[in-house]
Amino acid sequence: MDTNRDGNKFTYSYSAPTESERREILEIQKQYLADGKEDKLARLRKLNAAVKNTAMGVALSFGVVGLLLFGTGMSITLAWGNYLVGIIVAVIGIFPMAAAHPVYNFLLRRGKKKYGEEIIKLTNELLNE
């Protein structure tokens, strides 16, 4: 709002938001709307990710640790010529690598059992709306 020295002039300028600004505004607005469907879908995605990512993360950790131990054992054997220690460390590394897939399956089943009922409930609600 602008006024001149006389106090009689009033000017007002308006500019509409650009398309990208409009999309950003709508995305922010969507976060604060009490839309149950969006909340349910976000919760469903979060639960599904929790089940899968937990199992995958732990299994990958087992595999990587086992692989590092195995490689260390092989390095000890080849670089330093210490066959006994190298082979023992390498064999110890085989166990976590071999356990990675069963650990993944176990954690995936446990996650499905823990969150499965809520996931099924949410999917039914979302599909029936």
Protein backbone atom coordinates (compact mmCIF):
# COMPACT_ATOMS: atom_id res chain seq x y z
CA MET A 1 0.00 0.00 0.00
CA ASP A 2 1.50 3.29 -1.09
CA THR A 3 0.34 6.79 -0.28
CA ASN A 4 1.70 10.07 -1.55
CA ARG A 5 2.32 13.12 0.58
CA ASP A 6 -1.29 14.19 0.31
CA GLY A 7 -2.42 10.83 1.62
CA ASN A 8 -4.97 10.53 -1.22
CA LYS A 9 -3.32 7.98 -3.51
CA PHE A 10 -3.64 4.25 -2.99
CA THR A 11 -2.00 1.65 -5.21
CA TYR A 12 -2.12 -2.08 -4.88
CA SER A 13 -0.24 -4.66 -6.91
CA TYR A 14 -0.94 -8.37 -7.06
CA SER A 15 0.85 -11.14 -8.83
CA ALA A 16 -0.45 -14.68 -9.02
CA PRO A 17 1.94 -17.50 -8.06
CA THR A 18 3.74 -19.23 -10.89
CA GLU A 19 2.89 -22.83 -11.72
CA SER A 20 5.89 -24.21 -9.83
CA GLU A 21 5.07 -22.04 -6.80
CA ARG A 22 1.46 -23.22 -6.99
CA ARG A 23 2.55 -26.87 -6.98
CA GLU A 24 4.82 -26.24 -4.00
CA ILE A 25 2.01 -24.48 -2.13
CA LEU A 26 -0.37 -27.37 -2.82
CA GLU A 27 2.21 -29.92 -1.62
CA ILE A 28 2.63 -28.01 1.63
CA GLN A 29 -1.12 -27.65 2.00
CA LYS A 30 -1.61 -31.38 1.45
CA GLN A 31 0.63 -32.11 4.44
CA TYR A 32 -1.69 -30.19 6.74
CA LEU A 33 -5.05 -31.33 5.44
CA ALA A 34 -6.93 -33.79 7.57
CA ASP A 35 -7.34 -36.16 4.64
CA GLY A 36 -7.54 -39.66 6.10
CA LYS A 37 -6.69 -41.35 2.82
CA GLU A 38 -3.29 -39.61 2.49
CA ASP A 39 -2.51 -40.36 6.11
CA LYS A 40 -3.38 -44.02 5.61
CA LEU A 41 -1.32 -44.31 2.46
CA ALA A 42 1.67 -42.66 4.12
CA ARG A 43 1.32 -45.00 7.10
CA LEU A 44 1.07 -47.99 4.74
CA ARG A 45 4.24 -46.96 2.92
CA LYS A 46 6.05 -46.43 6.22
CA LEU A 47 5.06 -49.85 7.58
CA ASN A 48 5.99 -51.62 4.35
CA ALA A 49 9.37 -49.89 4.30
CA ALA A 50 9.97 -50.78 7.96
CA VAL A 51 9.37 -54.47 7.27
CA LYS A 52 11.56 -54.66 4.17
CA ASN A 53 14.32 -52.21 5.06
CA THR A 54 14.97 -53.66 8.52
CA ALA A 55 15.41 -57.16 7.14
CA MET A 56 17.55 -55.97 4.24
CA GLY A 57 19.77 -53.76 6.40
CA VAL A 58 20.56 -56.44 8.94
CA ALA A 59 21.15 -59.09 6.25
CA LEU A 60 23.45 -56.77 4.31
CA SER A 61 25.38 -56.02 7.49
CA PHE A 62 25.88 -59.73 8.11
CA GLY A 63 27.05 -60.24 4.54
CA VAL A 64 29.45 -57.30 4.56
CA VAL A 65 30.98 -58.23 7.92
CA GLY A 66 31.41 -61.81 6.77
CA LEU A 67 32.93 -60.73 3.49
CA LEU A 68 35.38 -58.41 5.25
CA LEU A 69 36.43 -61.18 7.63
CA PHE A 70 36.82 -63.62 4.76
CA GLY A 71 38.90 -61.12 2.78
CA THR A 72 41.03 -60.33 5.80
CA GLY A 73 41.72 -64.02 6.29
CA MET A 74 42.69 -64.43 2.66
CA SER A 75 44.94 -61.37 2.89
CA ILE A 76 46.66 -62.72 5.99
CA THR A 77 47.26 -65.99 4.20
CA LEU A 78 48.55 -64.50 0.94
CA ALA A 79 50.40 -61.38 2.14
CA TRP A 80 52.01 -62.62 5.33
CA GLY A 81 52.07 -66.34 4.63
CA ASN A 82 50.38 -67.09 7.96
CA TYR A 83 48.18 -69.92 6.75
CA LEU A 84 46.74 -71.06 10.05
CA VAL A 85 45.50 -67.66 11.24
CA GLY A 86 44.39 -66.63 7.75
CA ILE A 87 42.34 -69.76 7.17
CA ILE A 88 40.74 -69.52 10.63
CA VAL A 89 39.73 -65.87 10.06
CA ALA A 90 38.43 -66.71 6.57
CA VAL A 91 36.36 -69.64 7.87
CA ILE A 92 34.95 -67.41 10.63
CA GLY A 93 33.93 -64.93 7.88
CA ILE A 94 32.04 -67.63 5.99
CA PHE A 95 29.51 -68.03 8.82
CA PRO A 96 28.01 -64.50 8.74
CA MET A 97 27.95 -64.59 4.93
CA ALA A 98 26.10 -67.89 5.00
CA ALA A 99 23.72 -66.62 7.69
CA ALA A 100 22.76 -63.44 5.81
CA HIS A 101 19.95 -64.97 3.74
CA PRO A 102 18.36 -66.97 6.58
CA VAL A 103 18.55 -63.86 8.79
CA TYR A 104 16.82 -61.86 6.04
CA ASN A 105 14.04 -64.43 5.72
CA PHE A 106 13.60 -64.62 9.51
CA LEU A 107 13.40 -60.85 9.95
CA LEU A 108 11.06 -60.47 6.98
CA ARG A 109 8.67 -63.10 8.40
CA ARG A 110 8.85 -61.49 11.84
CA GLY A 111 8.15 -58.03 10.38
CA LYS A 112 5.22 -59.35 8.35
CA LYS A 113 3.84 -61.04 11.45
CA LYS A 114 4.30 -57.90 13.54
CA TYR A 115 2.87 -55.37 11.05
CA GLY A 116 0.86 -57.63 8.73
CA GLU A 117 -2.49 -57.15 10.41
CA GLU A 118 -2.24 -53.36 10.31
CA ILE A 119 -1.00 -53.40 6.70
CA ILE A 120 -3.91 -55.60 5.60
CA LYS A 121 -6.36 -53.35 7.47
CA LEU A 122 -4.95 -50.23 5.82
CA THR A 123 -4.94 -51.76 2.34
CA ASN A 124 -8.56 -52.88 2.72
CA GLU A 125 -9.59 -49.41 3.89
CA LEU A 126 -7.75 -47.73 1.03
CA LEU A 127 -9.14 -50.08 -1.61
CA ASN A 128 -12.71 -49.85 -0.36
CA GLU A 129 -12.84 -46.05 -0.17
